[in-house]
Amino acid sequence: MEAPSLVSSNNCISSAMVKPQNTLELSFTSLEFYDSIVLSTVKDDIVLNLEHIEELRKICADFFKNEGFVYISNRKNSYTVNPIIYINLIKTNTLKGIAIISENIEKLQIANFEKKFSPVPYELFQNEKEAFVWAQGI
């Protein structure tokens, strides 16, 4: 007897049910690449700045080519985001949206402030599954 396929209510498979196509460990973040989604877990005590974003832009451009993708940030660690980084995101014309995941209300409040600076759709989630469902719907 075959195991049932796990599908969300929107018929989208979450990352917990699929292995990443590729992973990459950088000095400031860990990346997991899925079909049209990159999941980033920034390391503790990092100040995410323009240089980091430029490196991420190049890596995502190489992986996704000209295909649109969604950036999901898993904010389980403590780090700082310079809101200026969002200004340069407009250069990433294949970036379709940003999702922030955190179970910590304070981190979500900070992310909600950052949302004001984003040139692309930007949503907040308390778990990975919801973020992936949203990302797959963009």
C-alpha atoms as a PDB file:
ATOM      1  CA  MET A   1       0.000   0.000   0.000  1.00  0.00           C
ATOM      2  CA  GLU A   2       1.409   3.377  -1.046  1.00  0.00           C
ATOM      3  CA  ALA A   3       1.804   6.193   1.435  1.00  0.00           C
ATOM      4  CA  PRO A   4      -0.546   9.100   0.718  1.00  0.00           C
ATOM      5  CA  SER A   5       0.874  12.285  -0.806  1.00  0.00           C
ATOM      6  CA  LEU A   6       0.951  15.144   1.647  1.00  0.00           C
ATOM      7  CA  VAL A   7      -0.665  18.216   0.129  1.00  0.00           C
ATOM      8  CA  SER A   8      -1.861  21.390   1.807  1.00  0.00           C
ATOM      9  CA  SER A   9      -5.401  22.673   1.594  1.00  0.00           C
ATOM     10  CA  ASN A  10      -4.382  24.704  -1.461  1.00  0.00           C
ATOM     11  CA  ASN A  11      -2.920  21.614  -3.140  1.00  0.00           C
ATOM     12  CA  CYS A  12       0.585  23.006  -2.654  1.00  0.00           C
ATOM     13  CA  ILE A  13       3.341  20.865  -1.243  1.00  0.00           C
ATOM     14  CA  SER A  14       5.277  22.493   1.587  1.00  0.00           C
ATOM     15  CA  SER A  15       9.043  22.291   2.023  1.00  0.00           C
ATOM     16  CA  ALA A  16       8.621  19.860   4.920  1.00  0.00           C
ATOM     17  CA  MET A  17       7.383  17.330   2.366  1.00  0.00           C
ATOM     18  CA  VAL A  18       9.969  17.915  -0.349  1.00  0.00           C
ATOM     19  CA  LYS A  19      13.748  17.830  -0.271  1.00  0.00           C
ATOM     20  CA  PRO A  20      15.546  20.936  -1.522  1.00  0.00           C
ATOM     21  CA  GLN A  21      17.008  20.775  -5.020  1.00  0.00           C
ATOM     22  CA  ASN A  22      20.198  22.344  -3.725  1.00  0.00           C
ATOM     23  CA  THR A  23      21.643  23.733  -0.495  1.00  0.00           C
ATOM     24  CA  LEU A  24      24.350  26.303   0.023  1.00  0.00           C
ATOM     25  CA  GLU A  25      26.153  27.363   3.193  1.00  0.00           C
ATOM     26  CA  LEU A  26      27.416  30.964   3.179  1.00  0.00           C
ATOM     27  CA  SER A  27      29.243  32.865   5.901  1.00  0.00           C
ATOM     28  CA  PHE A  28      26.040  34.702   6.853  1.00  0.00           C
ATOM     29  CA  THR A  29      23.185  32.352   5.877  1.00  0.00           C
ATOM     30  CA  SER A  30      22.150  28.843   4.905  1.00  0.00           C
ATOM     31  CA  LEU A  31      20.139  28.540   1.693  1.00  0.00           C
ATOM     32  CA  GLU A  32      17.780  25.798   0.519  1.00  0.00           C
ATOM     33  CA  PHE A  33      16.618  25.971  -3.086  1.00  0.00           C
ATOM     34  CA  TYR A  34      13.243  24.610  -4.176  1.00  0.00           C
ATOM     35  CA  ASP A  35      11.274  25.052  -7.381  1.00  0.00           C
ATOM     36  CA  SER A  36      10.769  28.856  -7.533  1.00  0.00           C
ATOM     37  CA  ILE A  37      11.554  29.295  -3.799  1.00  0.00           C
ATOM     38  CA  VAL A  38      14.706  29.916  -1.790  1.00  0.00           C
ATOM     39  CA  LEU A  39      14.589  29.429   1.985  1.00  0.00           C
ATOM     40  CA  SER A  40      17.201  31.426   3.884  1.00  0.00           C
ATOM     41  CA  THR A  41      18.171  31.012   7.534  1.00  0.00           C
ATOM     42  CA  VAL A  42      20.460  33.901   8.452  1.00  0.00           C
ATOM     43  CA  LYS A  43      22.966  33.109  11.180  1.00  0.00           C
ATOM     44  CA  ASP A  44      23.031  34.637  14.655  1.00  0.00           C
ATOM     45  CA  ASP A  45      24.460  38.135  15.204  1.00  0.00           C
ATOM     46  CA  ILE A  46      24.635  39.068  11.516  1.00  0.00           C
ATOM     47  CA  VAL A  47      23.821  42.570  10.297  1.00  0.00           C
ATOM     48  CA  LEU A  48      22.257  41.859   6.907  1.00  0.00           C
ATOM     49  CA  ASN A  49      23.522  44.618   4.620  1.00  0.00           C
ATOM     50  CA  LEU A  50      23.766  45.584   0.947  1.00  0.00           C
ATOM     51  CA  GLU A  51      26.825  43.386   0.329  1.00  0.00           C
ATOM     52  CA  HIS A  52      24.950  40.331   1.601  1.00  0.00           C
ATOM     53  CA  ILE A  53      21.946  41.144  -0.574  1.00  0.00           C
ATOM     54  CA  GLU A  54      24.144  41.574  -3.628  1.00  0.00           C
ATOM     55  CA  GLU A  55      25.678  38.147  -3.008  1.00  0.00           C
ATOM     56  CA  LEU A  56      22.209  36.622  -2.587  1.00  0.00           C
ATOM     57  CA  ARG A  57      21.000  38.301  -5.790  1.00  0.00           C
ATOM     58  CA  LYS A  58      23.866  36.782  -7.790  1.00  0.00           C
ATOM     59  CA  ILE A  59      23.387  33.310  -6.314  1.00  0.00           C
ATOM     60  CA  CYS A  60      19.629  33.368  -6.930  1.00  0.00           C
ATOM     61  CA  ALA A  61      20.121  34.664 -10.486  1.00  0.00           C
ATOM     62  CA  ASP A  62      22.492  31.757 -11.169  1.00  0.00           C
ATOM     63  CA  PHE A  63      20.117  29.190  -9.708  1.00  0.00           C
ATOM     64  CA  PHE A  64      16.763  30.447 -10.984  1.00  0.00           C
ATOM     65  CA  LYS A  65      18.058  31.939 -14.268  1.00  0.00           C
ATOM     66  CA  ASN A  66      15.257  34.163 -15.633  1.00  0.00           C
ATOM     67  CA  GLU A  67      12.495  32.414 -13.676  1.00  0.00           C
ATOM     68  CA  GLY A  68      10.566  34.230 -10.978  1.00  0.00           C
ATOM     69  CA  PHE A  69      11.157  33.144  -7.383  1.00  0.00           C
ATOM     70  CA  VAL A  70      10.102  33.913  -3.810  1.00  0.00           C
ATOM     71  CA  TYR A  71      12.576  34.527  -0.992  1.00  0.00           C
ATOM     72  CA  ILE A  72      11.523  33.007   2.346  1.00  0.00           C
ATOM     73  CA  SER A  73      13.420  34.117   5.427  1.00  0.00           C
ATOM     74  CA  ASN A  74      13.303  31.807   8.427  1.00  0.00           C
ATOM     75  CA  ARG A  75      13.978  34.176  11.304  1.00  0.00           C
ATOM     76  CA  LYS A  76      14.711  31.621  13.985  1.00  0.00           C
ATOM     77  CA  ASN A  77      18.057  33.263  14.796  1.00  0.00           C
ATOM     78  CA  SER A  78      18.755  36.750  16.142  1.00  0.00           C
ATOM     79  CA  TYR A  79      20.115  39.125  13.532  1.00  0.00           C
ATOM     80  CA  THR A  80      19.578  42.648  12.252  1.00  0.00           C
ATOM     81  CA  VAL A  81      18.267  43.768   8.863  1.00  0.00           C
ATOM     82  CA  ASN A  82      19.237  47.165   7.514  1.00  0.00           C
ATOM     83  CA  PRO A  83      15.962  48.331   5.854  1.00  0.00           C
ATOM     84  CA  ILE A  84      17.986  50.101   3.150  1.00  0.00           C
ATOM     85  CA  ILE A  85      18.531  46.667   1.578  1.00  0.00           C
ATOM     86  CA  TYR A  86      14.970  46.709   0.260  1.00  0.00           C
ATOM     87  CA  ILE A  87      15.727  49.665  -2.028  1.00  0.00           C
ATOM     88  CA  ASN A  88      18.092  47.539  -4.122  1.00  0.00           C
ATOM     89  CA  LEU A  89      15.665  44.632  -4.380  1.00  0.00           C
ATOM     90  CA  ILE A  90      14.000  46.346  -7.317  1.00  0.00           C
ATOM     91  CA  LYS A  91      17.115  45.363  -9.311  1.00  0.00           C
ATOM     92  CA  THR A  92      16.096  41.735  -8.825  1.00  0.00           C
ATOM     93  CA  ASN A  93      13.359  41.743 -11.439  1.00  0.00           C
ATOM     94  CA  THR A  94      12.678  38.027 -10.979  1.00  0.00           C
ATOM     95  CA  LEU A  95      11.943  38.370  -7.242  1.00  0.00           C
ATOM     96  CA  LYS A  96       8.175  37.811  -6.964  1.00  0.00           C
ATOM     97  CA  GLY A  97       7.797  38.122  -3.205  1.00  0.00           C
ATOM     98  CA  ILE A  98       9.262  37.847   0.277  1.00  0.00           C
ATOM     99  CA  ALA A  99       7.915  35.748   3.139  1.00  0.00           C
ATOM    100  CA  ILE A 100       9.115  36.038   6.720  1.00  0.00           C
ATOM    101  CA  ILE A 101       8.708  33.109   9.125  1.00  0.00           C
ATOM    102  CA  SER A 102       8.945  33.472  12.888  1.00  0.00           C
ATOM    103  CA  GLU A 103       7.105  32.194  15.920  1.00  0.00           C
ATOM    104  CA  ASN A 104       8.420  35.200  17.874  1.00  0.00           C
ATOM    105  CA  ILE A 105       5.957  38.113  17.919  1.00  0.00           C
ATOM    106  CA  GLU A 106       8.735  40.698  18.362  1.00  0.00           C
ATOM    107  CA  LYS A 107      10.561  39.439  15.263  1.00  0.00           C
ATOM    108  CA  LEU A 108       7.294  39.582  13.314  1.00  0.00           C
ATOM    109  CA  GLN A 109       6.705  43.161  14.490  1.00  0.00           C
ATOM    110  CA  ILE A 110      10.159  44.153  13.237  1.00  0.00           C
ATOM    111  CA  ALA A 111       9.500  42.364   9.937  1.00  0.00           C
ATOM    112  CA  ASN A 112       6.190  44.196   9.667  1.00  0.00           C
ATOM    113  CA  PHE A 113       8.090  47.505   9.901  1.00  0.00           C
ATOM    114  CA  GLU A 114      10.511  46.313   7.171  1.00  0.00           C
ATOM    115  CA  LYS A 115       7.511  45.443   4.971  1.00  0.00           C
ATOM    116  CA  LYS A 116       6.996  49.181   4.347  1.00  0.00           C
ATOM    117  CA  PHE A 117      10.258  49.265   2.390  1.00  0.00           C
ATOM    118  CA  SER A 118       9.685  46.220   0.179  1.00  0.00           C
ATOM    119  CA  PRO A 119       9.027  46.791  -3.541  1.00  0.00           C
ATOM    120  CA  VAL A 120       7.497  43.286  -3.877  1.00  0.00           C
ATOM    121  CA  PRO A 121       4.690  41.432  -2.063  1.00  0.00           C
ATOM    122  CA  TYR A 122       5.842  40.764   1.499  1.00  0.00           C
ATOM    123  CA  GLU A 123       3.977  38.609   4.004  1.00  0.00           C
ATOM    124  CA  LEU A 124       4.523  37.351   7.552  1.00  0.00           C
ATOM    125  CA  PHE A 125       3.954  33.773   8.719  1.00  0.00           C
ATOM    126  CA  GLN A 126       4.313  31.795  11.917  1.00  0.00           C
ATOM    127  CA  ASN A 127       5.262  28.553  10.191  1.00  0.00           C
ATOM    128  CA  GLU A 128       7.053  27.277   7.125  1.00  0.00           C
ATOM    129  CA  LYS A 129       4.086  25.463   5.631  1.00  0.00           C
ATOM    130  CA  GLU A 130       1.953  28.621   5.409  1.00  0.00           C
ATOM    131  CA  ALA A 131       4.853  30.558   3.882  1.00  0.00           C
ATOM    132  CA  PHE A 132       5.410  27.898   1.216  1.00  0.00           C
ATOM    133  CA  VAL A 133       1.713  27.738   0.355  1.00  0.00           C
ATOM    134  CA  TRP A 134       1.668  31.527  -0.088  1.00  0.00           C
ATOM    135  CA  ALA A 135       4.898  31.505  -2.117  1.00  0.00           C
ATOM    136  CA  GLN A 136       3.605  28.824  -4.465  1.00  0.00           C
ATOM    137  CA  GLY A 137       0.461  30.875  -5.055  1.00  0.00           C
ATOM    138  CA  ILE A 138       2.271  33.985  -6.288  1.00  0.00           C
END
